[in-house]
Amino acid sequence: MRNSKILSITRIALCAAFIMVCSYIMIPMPFSPVPVTAQTLAITLTGLILRPKQAGSAVIVFILIAAVLGKFSLGPSVGYFVGFFASAVVVSLVKGERKSVVRYLAAALLGILVTDIPGVIGMMLVLDIPLKAAVVEGIIVFLPGDLCKAVVAAMAAVPLGKALDRAHLLAS
């Protein structure tokens, strides 16, 4: 019992750290106040390899660390932080038990939607812009990259999950 709690906490911490590292991989976009980052890829992978409570916990730990490091602000990206939490949990809930690229891709695509809805709402509130502008600046311009990250996450999560299963690192 104790080992499973330690293993669970370790998985949460490792995924939170992975998300944090990926949040530093960013490309500012001249056409949007929100940069392209690798953290959405990390959040999707977290949802695909962890259970829902663990995935949500990993994102909460990431947000807390981001706040301490000054990476979390109440700027245009604030809604996306809410979406990250919801996305990790929803992706984990809908991925199913059987590891399948198609199923994982469907979960990852749903995760994009779950991330973008609060993201757009946050942009509208913080920047005081209309819905159409927020959708264009916060979703449309990022959709090709988000779709690519969803495919990469789904393709990586299947062999990664199988390897972690073989090593008994996902059981608990």
C-alpha atoms as a PDB file:
ATOM      1  CA  MET A   1       0.000   0.000   0.000  1.00  0.00           C
ATOM      2  CA  ARG A   2       2.707   2.459   0.994  1.00  0.00           C
ATOM      3  CA  ASN A   3       4.759   1.734  -2.125  1.00  0.00           C
ATOM      4  CA  SER A   4       1.755   2.461  -4.344  1.00  0.00           C
ATOM      5  CA  LYS A   5       1.291   5.878  -2.704  1.00  0.00           C
ATOM      6  CA  ILE A   6       4.970   6.681  -3.154  1.00  0.00           C
ATOM      7  CA  LEU A   7       4.778   5.522  -6.783  1.00  0.00           C
ATOM      8  CA  SER A   8       1.689   7.651  -7.380  1.00  0.00           C
ATOM      9  CA  ILE A   9       3.304  10.751  -5.863  1.00  0.00           C
ATOM     10  CA  THR A  10       6.430  10.093  -7.934  1.00  0.00           C
ATOM     11  CA  ARG A  11       4.409   9.854 -11.165  1.00  0.00           C
ATOM     12  CA  ILE A  12       2.584  13.094 -10.317  1.00  0.00           C
ATOM     13  CA  ALA A  13       5.858  14.896  -9.537  1.00  0.00           C
ATOM     14  CA  LEU A  14       7.586  13.637 -12.683  1.00  0.00           C
ATOM     15  CA  CYS A  15       4.696  14.674 -14.914  1.00  0.00           C
ATOM     16  CA  ALA A  16       4.475  18.095 -13.213  1.00  0.00           C
ATOM     17  CA  ALA A  17       8.204  18.562 -13.812  1.00  0.00           C
ATOM     18  CA  PHE A  18       7.828  17.447 -17.435  1.00  0.00           C
ATOM     19  CA  ILE A  19       5.019  19.960 -17.968  1.00  0.00           C
ATOM     20  CA  MET A  20       7.142  22.704 -16.385  1.00  0.00           C
ATOM     21  CA  VAL A  21      10.151  21.926 -18.587  1.00  0.00           C
ATOM     22  CA  CYS A  22       7.920  21.891 -21.670  1.00  0.00           C
ATOM     23  CA  SER A  23       6.409  25.243 -20.676  1.00  0.00           C
ATOM     24  CA  TYR A  24       9.827  26.803 -21.288  1.00  0.00           C
ATOM     25  CA  ILE A  25       9.812  25.534 -24.864  1.00  0.00           C
ATOM     26  CA  MET A  26       7.885  28.396 -26.451  1.00  0.00           C
ATOM     27  CA  ILE A  27       7.620  30.337 -29.640  1.00  0.00           C
ATOM     28  CA  PRO A  28       6.091  33.836 -29.406  1.00  0.00           C
ATOM     29  CA  MET A  29       3.534  34.484 -32.112  1.00  0.00           C
ATOM     30  CA  PRO A  30       3.379  37.952 -33.689  1.00  0.00           C
ATOM     31  CA  PHE A  31      -0.334  37.515 -34.369  1.00  0.00           C
ATOM     32  CA  SER A  32      -1.407  36.419 -30.883  1.00  0.00           C
ATOM     33  CA  PRO A  33      -0.693  37.363 -27.268  1.00  0.00           C
ATOM     34  CA  VAL A  34      -0.490  33.637 -26.440  1.00  0.00           C
ATOM     35  CA  PRO A  35       2.770  31.848 -27.427  1.00  0.00           C
ATOM     36  CA  VAL A  36       3.044  28.337 -28.859  1.00  0.00           C
ATOM     37  CA  THR A  37       4.438  26.060 -26.163  1.00  0.00           C
ATOM     38  CA  ALA A  38       5.217  22.390 -25.705  1.00  0.00           C
ATOM     39  CA  GLN A  39       3.308  22.329 -22.417  1.00  0.00           C
ATOM     40  CA  THR A  40       0.069  21.347 -24.163  1.00  0.00           C
ATOM     41  CA  LEU A  41       1.872  18.290 -25.522  1.00  0.00           C
ATOM     42  CA  ALA A  42       3.085  17.470 -21.995  1.00  0.00           C
ATOM     43  CA  ILE A  43      -0.378  17.959 -20.499  1.00  0.00           C
ATOM     44  CA  THR A  44      -1.924  15.662 -23.095  1.00  0.00           C
ATOM     45  CA  LEU A  45       0.747  13.011 -22.481  1.00  0.00           C
ATOM     46  CA  THR A  46       0.120  13.336 -18.739  1.00  0.00           C
ATOM     47  CA  GLY A  47      -3.581  12.686 -19.289  1.00  0.00           C
ATOM     48  CA  LEU A  48      -2.807   9.718 -21.518  1.00  0.00           C
ATOM     49  CA  ILE A  49      -0.410   7.951 -19.133  1.00  0.00           C
ATOM     50  CA  LEU A  50      -1.874   8.787 -15.711  1.00  0.00           C
ATOM     51  CA  ARG A  51      -5.202   8.151 -14.037  1.00  0.00           C
ATOM     52  CA  PRO A  52      -7.600  11.123 -13.813  1.00  0.00           C
ATOM     53  CA  LYS A  53      -6.818  12.123 -10.199  1.00  0.00           C
ATOM     54  CA  GLN A  54      -3.100  11.789 -10.815  1.00  0.00           C
ATOM     55  CA  ALA A  55      -3.256  13.776 -14.065  1.00  0.00           C
ATOM     56  CA  GLY A  56      -5.241  16.547 -12.386  1.00  0.00           C
ATOM     57  CA  SER A  57      -2.850  16.553  -9.441  1.00  0.00           C
ATOM     58  CA  ALA A  58       0.164  16.818 -11.753  1.00  0.00           C
ATOM     59  CA  VAL A  59      -1.345  19.884 -13.447  1.00  0.00           C
ATOM     60  CA  ILE A  60      -2.198  21.481 -10.090  1.00  0.00           C
ATOM     61  CA  VAL A  61       1.399  20.932  -8.923  1.00  0.00           C
ATOM     62  CA  PHE A  62       2.618  22.455 -12.203  1.00  0.00           C
ATOM     63  CA  ILE A  63       0.349  25.503 -11.755  1.00  0.00           C
ATOM     64  CA  LEU A  64       1.527  25.992  -8.170  1.00  0.00           C
ATOM     65  CA  ILE A  65       5.182  25.780  -9.224  1.00  0.00           C
ATOM     66  CA  ALA A  66       4.487  28.106 -12.158  1.00  0.00           C
ATOM     67  CA  ALA A  67       2.922  30.615  -9.772  1.00  0.00           C
ATOM     68  CA  VAL A  68       5.926  30.493  -7.446  1.00  0.00           C
ATOM     69  CA  LEU A  69       8.316  30.933 -10.385  1.00  0.00           C
ATOM     70  CA  GLY A  70       6.271  33.820 -11.764  1.00  0.00           C
ATOM     71  CA  LYS A  71       5.316  31.871 -14.895  1.00  0.00           C
ATOM     72  CA  PHE A  72       1.622  31.948 -14.049  1.00  0.00           C
ATOM     73  CA  SER A  73      -0.036  35.309 -14.487  1.00  0.00           C
ATOM     74  CA  LEU A  74      -3.516  36.687 -14.731  1.00  0.00           C
ATOM     75  CA  GLY A  75      -2.736  37.755 -18.300  1.00  0.00           C
ATOM     76  CA  PRO A  76      -4.232  36.508 -21.576  1.00  0.00           C
ATOM     77  CA  SER A  77      -3.118  32.923 -20.878  1.00  0.00           C
ATOM     78  CA  VAL A  78      -4.963  32.595 -17.541  1.00  0.00           C
ATOM     79  CA  GLY A  79      -7.906  30.699 -19.018  1.00  0.00           C
ATOM     80  CA  TYR A  80      -5.562  28.175 -20.557  1.00  0.00           C
ATOM     81  CA  PHE A  81      -4.248  27.216 -17.116  1.00  0.00           C
ATOM     82  CA  VAL A  82      -7.818  26.324 -16.126  1.00  0.00           C
ATOM     83  CA  GLY A  83      -8.155  24.438 -19.395  1.00  0.00           C
ATOM     84  CA  PHE A  84      -4.923  22.526 -18.772  1.00  0.00           C
ATOM     85  CA  PHE A  85      -6.315  21.047 -15.567  1.00  0.00           C
ATOM     86  CA  ALA A  86      -9.649  20.155 -17.153  1.00  0.00           C
ATOM     87  CA  SER A  87      -7.945  18.751 -20.257  1.00  0.00           C
ATOM     88  CA  ALA A  88      -5.604  16.426 -18.353  1.00  0.00           C
ATOM     89  CA  VAL A  89      -8.505  15.019 -16.342  1.00  0.00           C
ATOM     90  CA  VAL A  90     -10.873  14.669 -19.321  1.00  0.00           C
ATOM     91  CA  VAL A  91      -8.199  13.090 -21.539  1.00  0.00           C
ATOM     92  CA  SER A  92      -7.434  10.592 -18.786  1.00  0.00           C
ATOM     93  CA  LEU A  93     -11.125   9.806 -18.270  1.00  0.00           C
ATOM     94  CA  VAL A  94     -11.951   9.191 -21.929  1.00  0.00           C
ATOM     95  CA  LYS A  95      -8.765   7.419 -23.064  1.00  0.00           C
ATOM     96  CA  GLY A  96     -10.061   4.038 -21.927  1.00  0.00           C
ATOM     97  CA  GLU A  97      -8.132   1.076 -20.601  1.00  0.00           C
ATOM     98  CA  ARG A  98      -6.926  -0.370 -23.907  1.00  0.00           C
ATOM     99  CA  LYS A  99      -3.910   1.416 -25.360  1.00  0.00           C
ATOM    100  CA  SER A 100      -4.783   2.471 -28.891  1.00  0.00           C
ATOM    101  CA  VAL A 101      -3.425   5.316 -30.991  1.00  0.00           C
ATOM    102  CA  VAL A 102      -6.892   5.975 -32.441  1.00  0.00           C
ATOM    103  CA  ARG A 103      -8.560   6.097 -29.033  1.00  0.00           C
ATOM    104  CA  TYR A 104      -5.724   8.185 -27.581  1.00  0.00           C
ATOM    105  CA  LEU A 105      -5.907  10.571 -30.535  1.00  0.00           C
ATOM    106  CA  ALA A 106      -9.652  11.014 -29.984  1.00  0.00           C
ATOM    107  CA  ALA A 107      -8.987  11.783 -26.299  1.00  0.00           C
ATOM    108  CA  ALA A 108      -6.195  14.217 -27.238  1.00  0.00           C
ATOM    109  CA  LEU A 109      -8.449  16.024 -29.727  1.00  0.00           C
ATOM    110  CA  LEU A 110     -11.124  16.375 -27.063  1.00  0.00           C
ATOM    111  CA  GLY A 111      -8.396  17.728 -24.784  1.00  0.00           C
ATOM    112  CA  ILE A 112      -7.722  20.538 -27.270  1.00  0.00           C
ATOM    113  CA  LEU A 113     -11.360  21.603 -27.074  1.00  0.00           C
ATOM    114  CA  VAL A 114     -11.407  21.362 -23.287  1.00  0.00           C
ATOM    115  CA  THR A 115      -8.264  23.525 -23.091  1.00  0.00           C
ATOM    116  CA  ASP A 116      -9.412  26.096 -25.627  1.00  0.00           C
ATOM    117  CA  ILE A 117     -12.861  26.902 -24.228  1.00  0.00           C
ATOM    118  CA  PRO A 118     -11.652  28.419 -20.926  1.00  0.00           C
ATOM    119  CA  GLY A 119      -8.628  29.805 -22.791  1.00  0.00           C
ATOM    120  CA  VAL A 120     -10.847  31.830 -25.110  1.00  0.00           C
ATOM    121  CA  ILE A 121     -13.060  32.958 -22.233  1.00  0.00           C
ATOM    122  CA  GLY A 122      -9.956  34.130 -20.359  1.00  0.00           C
ATOM    123  CA  MET A 123      -8.709  36.045 -23.399  1.00  0.00           C
ATOM    124  CA  MET A 124     -12.095  37.716 -23.831  1.00  0.00           C
ATOM    125  CA  LEU A 125     -12.172  38.812 -20.197  1.00  0.00           C
ATOM    126  CA  VAL A 126      -8.539  39.897 -19.825  1.00  0.00           C
ATOM    127  CA  LEU A 127      -8.150  41.576 -23.211  1.00  0.00           C
ATOM    128  CA  ASP A 128     -11.762  42.791 -23.447  1.00  0.00           C
ATOM    129  CA  ILE A 129     -12.128  41.448 -26.978  1.00  0.00           C
ATOM    130  CA  PRO A 130     -15.149  39.895 -28.699  1.00  0.00           C
ATOM    131  CA  LEU A 131     -15.634  36.143 -29.044  1.00  0.00           C
ATOM    132  CA  LYS A 132     -14.710  36.103 -32.748  1.00  0.00           C
ATOM    133  CA  ALA A 133     -11.366  37.807 -32.127  1.00  0.00           C
ATOM    134  CA  ALA A 134     -10.604  35.528 -29.170  1.00  0.00           C
ATOM    135  CA  VAL A 135     -11.397  32.415 -31.225  1.00  0.00           C
ATOM    136  CA  VAL A 136      -9.153  33.576 -34.077  1.00  0.00           C
ATOM    137  CA  GLU A 137      -6.273  34.665 -31.796  1.00  0.00           C
ATOM    138  CA  GLY A 138      -6.598  31.833 -29.284  1.00  0.00           C
ATOM    139  CA  ILE A 139      -7.692  28.817 -31.318  1.00  0.00           C
ATOM    140  CA  ILE A 140      -7.651  29.127 -35.098  1.00  0.00           C
ATOM    141  CA  VAL A 141      -4.041  30.273 -35.435  1.00  0.00           C
ATOM    142  CA  PHE A 142      -2.871  27.480 -33.113  1.00  0.00           C
ATOM    143  CA  LEU A 143      -5.026  24.665 -34.502  1.00  0.00           C
ATOM    144  CA  PRO A 144      -2.447  23.188 -36.924  1.00  0.00           C
ATOM    145  CA  GLY A 145       0.166  22.973 -34.157  1.00  0.00           C
ATOM    146  CA  ASP A 146      -2.361  21.649 -31.648  1.00  0.00           C
ATOM    147  CA  LEU A 147      -3.411  18.917 -34.069  1.00  0.00           C
ATOM    148  CA  CYS A 148       0.235  17.946 -34.618  1.00  0.00           C
ATOM    149  CA  LYS A 149       0.849  17.847 -30.849  1.00  0.00           C
ATOM    150  CA  ALA A 150      -2.255  15.665 -30.392  1.00  0.00           C
ATOM    151  CA  VAL A 151      -0.944  13.175 -32.962  1.00  0.00           C
ATOM    152  CA  VAL A 152       2.531  13.134 -31.401  1.00  0.00           C
ATOM    153  CA  ALA A 153       1.072  12.657 -27.899  1.00  0.00           C
ATOM    154  CA  ALA A 154      -1.174   9.792 -29.012  1.00  0.00           C
ATOM    155  CA  MET A 155       1.625   8.059 -30.898  1.00  0.00           C
ATOM    156  CA  ALA A 156       4.102   8.480 -28.027  1.00  0.00           C
ATOM    157  CA  ALA A 157       1.686   7.529 -25.240  1.00  0.00           C
ATOM    158  CA  VAL A 158       0.921   4.034 -26.531  1.00  0.00           C
ATOM    159  CA  PRO A 159       4.506   2.665 -26.488  1.00  0.00           C
ATOM    160  CA  LEU A 160       5.354   4.756 -23.413  1.00  0.00           C
ATOM    161  CA  GLY A 161       2.337   3.388 -21.533  1.00  0.00           C
ATOM    162  CA  LYS A 162       3.178  -0.168 -22.557  1.00  0.00           C
ATOM    163  CA  ALA A 163       6.783   0.262 -21.408  1.00  0.00           C
ATOM    164  CA  LEU A 164       5.653   1.706 -18.069  1.00  0.00           C
ATOM    165  CA  ASP A 165       3.184  -1.180 -17.674  1.00  0.00           C
ATOM    166  CA  ARG A 166       5.952  -3.724 -18.294  1.00  0.00           C
ATOM    167  CA  ALA A 167       8.087  -1.976 -15.690  1.00  0.00           C
ATOM    168  CA  HIS A 168       5.087  -1.914 -13.307  1.00  0.00           C
ATOM    169  CA  LEU A 169       5.359   1.860 -13.038  1.00  0.00           C
ATOM    170  CA  LEU A 170       1.699   2.601 -13.752  1.00  0.00           C
ATOM    171  CA  ALA A 171       0.063   0.093 -11.412  1.00  0.00           C
ATOM    172  CA  SER A 172      -1.786   1.334  -8.322  1.00  0.00           C
END
